[in-house]
C-alpha atoms as a PDB file:
ATOM      1  CA  MET A   1     206.391  38.393  11.377  1.00  0.00           C
ATOM      2  CA  VAL A   2     210.089  37.602  11.046  1.00  0.00           C
ATOM      3  CA  LEU A   3     212.420  38.891  13.759  1.00  0.00           C
ATOM      4  CA  ASN A   4     216.074  38.720  12.711  1.00  0.00           C
ATOM      5  CA  GLY A   5     217.596  39.843  15.983  1.00  0.00           C
ATOM      6  CA  GLY A   6     215.657  43.116  15.969  1.00  0.00           C
ATOM      7  CA  SER A   7     213.157  44.669  18.341  1.00  0.00           C
ATOM      8  CA  LEU A   8     209.393  44.985  18.459  1.00  0.00           C
ATOM      9  CA  GLY A   9     208.181  47.854  20.620  1.00  0.00           C
ATOM     10  CA  VAL A  10     204.784  48.786  22.042  1.00  0.00           C
ATOM     11  CA  ASP A  11     204.013  52.495  22.321  1.00  0.00           C
ATOM     12  CA  ASN A  12     201.267  54.911  23.371  1.00  0.00           C
ATOM     13  CA  GLY A  13     200.516  53.122  26.646  1.00  0.00           C
ATOM     14  CA  GLY A  14     197.832  50.871  25.252  1.00  0.00           C
ATOM     15  CA  GLY A  15     197.386  47.167  24.859  1.00  0.00           C
ATOM     16  CA  ARG A  16     197.982  45.795  21.386  1.00  0.00           C
ATOM     17  CA  ALA A  17     196.868  42.498  19.835  1.00  0.00           C
ATOM     18  CA  VAL A  18     198.983  40.872  17.122  1.00  0.00           C
ATOM     19  CA  PRO A  19     197.648  37.738  15.364  1.00  0.00           C
ATOM     20  CA  ASN A  20     200.871  37.167  13.401  1.00  0.00           C
ATOM     21  CA  THR A  21     203.132  34.128  13.415  1.00  0.00           C
ATOM     22  CA  PHE A  22     206.523  34.989  14.936  1.00  0.00           C
ATOM     23  CA  ASN A  23     209.579  33.458  13.268  1.00  0.00           C
ATOM     24  CA  LEU A  24     212.588  34.044  15.556  1.00  0.00           C
ATOM     25  CA  ARG A  25     215.558  33.552  13.232  1.00  0.00           C
ATOM     26  CA  GLU A  26     218.536  35.137  14.954  1.00  0.00           C
ATOM     27  CA  ALA A  27     220.274  34.575  18.263  1.00  0.00           C
ATOM     28  CA  SER A  28     218.129  37.086  20.167  1.00  0.00           C
ATOM     29  CA  SER A  29     215.045  39.199  19.359  1.00  0.00           C
ATOM     30  CA  THR A  30     213.518  41.695  21.788  1.00  0.00           C
ATOM     31  CA  VAL A  31     209.939  42.644  22.629  1.00  0.00           C
ATOM     32  CA  ASP A  32     210.055  45.995  24.430  1.00  0.00           C
ATOM     33  CA  LEU A  33     206.929  46.584  26.510  1.00  0.00           C
ATOM     34  CA  THR A  34     207.944  49.967  27.937  1.00  0.00           C
ATOM     35  CA  GLY A  35     204.922  51.596  26.265  1.00  0.00           C
ATOM     36  CA  GLY A  36     202.250  49.043  27.156  1.00  0.00           C
ATOM     37  CA  ASN A  37     201.077  45.443  26.866  1.00  0.00           C
ATOM     38  CA  LEU A  38     201.035  43.061  23.910  1.00  0.00           C
ATOM     39  CA  THR A  39     198.826  40.040  23.195  1.00  0.00           C
ATOM     40  CA  THR A  40     199.856  37.590  20.488  1.00  0.00           C
ATOM     41  CA  SER A  41     197.724  34.786  19.099  1.00  0.00           C
ATOM     42  CA  GLY A  42     200.123  33.427  16.500  1.00  0.00           C
ATOM     43  CA  VAL A  43     202.566  30.546  16.472  1.00  0.00           C
ATOM     44  CA  PHE A  44     206.190  31.033  17.607  1.00  0.00           C
ATOM     45  CA  SER A  45     208.791  29.124  15.612  1.00  0.00           C
ATOM     46  CA  ASN A  46     212.522  28.726  14.949  1.00  0.00           C
ATOM     47  CA  SER A  47     215.324  28.624  17.500  1.00  0.00           C
ATOM     48  CA  GLY A  48     216.196  32.249  18.251  1.00  0.00           C
ATOM     49  CA  ALA A  49     215.939  33.522  21.827  1.00  0.00           C
ATOM     50  CA  LEU A  50     213.156  35.887  22.878  1.00  0.00           C
ATOM     51  CA  VAL A  51     213.937  38.761  25.262  1.00  0.00           C
ATOM     52  CA  VAL A  52     210.917  40.405  26.928  1.00  0.00           C
ATOM     53  CA  GLN A  53     211.550  43.670  28.770  1.00  0.00           C
ATOM     54  CA  GLY A  54     210.087  47.002  29.772  1.00  0.00           C
ATOM     55  CA  GLY A  55     207.545  46.605  32.567  1.00  0.00           C
ATOM     56  CA  GLY A  56     204.501  45.577  30.533  1.00  0.00           C
ATOM     57  CA  LYS A  57     202.824  42.201  29.977  1.00  0.00           C
ATOM     58  CA  LEU A  58     203.261  39.869  27.008  1.00  0.00           C
ATOM     59  CA  ASP A  59     200.248  37.547  26.750  1.00  0.00           C
ATOM     60  CA  LEU A  60     201.031  34.540  24.536  1.00  0.00           C
ATOM     61  CA  THR A  61     197.828  32.846  23.371  1.00  0.00           C
ATOM     62  CA  GLY A  62     197.271  30.286  20.661  1.00  0.00           C
ATOM     63  CA  LEU A  63     200.615  28.563  21.096  1.00  0.00           C
ATOM     64  CA  THR A  64     199.271  25.204  19.954  1.00  0.00           C
ATOM     65  CA  GLY A  65     201.413  24.159  17.001  1.00  0.00           C
ATOM     66  CA  SER A  66     204.383  26.260  18.078  1.00  0.00           C
ATOM     67  CA  SER A  67     207.825  24.754  17.643  1.00  0.00           C
ATOM     68  CA  PHE A  68     209.928  27.112  19.703  1.00  0.00           C
ATOM     69  CA  PRO A  69     212.959  25.456  21.317  1.00  0.00           C
ATOM     70  CA  GLY A  70     214.640  28.827  21.997  1.00  0.00           C
ATOM     71  CA  ASN A  71     215.200  30.493  25.363  1.00  0.00           C
ATOM     72  CA  VAL A  72     213.024  33.232  26.851  1.00  0.00           C
ATOM     73  CA  LEU A  73     214.618  35.940  29.018  1.00  0.00           C
ATOM     74  CA  VAL A  74     212.196  38.117  30.990  1.00  0.00           C
ATOM     75  CA  SER A  75     213.521  41.375  32.436  1.00  0.00           C
ATOM     76  CA  ASN A  76     211.183  43.699  34.361  1.00  0.00           C
ATOM     77  CA  ALA A  77     208.131  42.354  32.514  1.00  0.00           C
ATOM     78  CA  THR A  78     205.414  39.688  32.808  1.00  0.00           C
ATOM     79  CA  VAL A  79     204.800  36.818  30.401  1.00  0.00           C
ATOM     80  CA  GLN A  80     201.517  34.918  30.495  1.00  0.00           C
ATOM     81  CA  VAL A  81     201.215  31.730  28.424  1.00  0.00           C
ATOM     82  CA  GLN A  82     197.858  30.302  27.342  1.00  0.00           C
ATOM     83  CA  ALA A  83     197.843  27.335  24.956  1.00  0.00           C
ATOM     84  CA  ARG A  84     194.620  26.863  23.017  1.00  0.00           C
END
């Protein structure tokens, strides 16, 4: 999944699992967790910043092999990191 400064939102109040690789290309991409939680098991790459907001939980699993030197800004959310 390529995020070019856009947003990825979670809706319908449920937890979602996304196995995709995340390529953060632009200065800042947002994950909006207002509608629920999100679990990712893919690699994060490139140097764009990641903004996590909205009150839910972003569970980052499978980060082995990630090359993500970008910043992470967490606003009213929880981020859990699990390298495998």
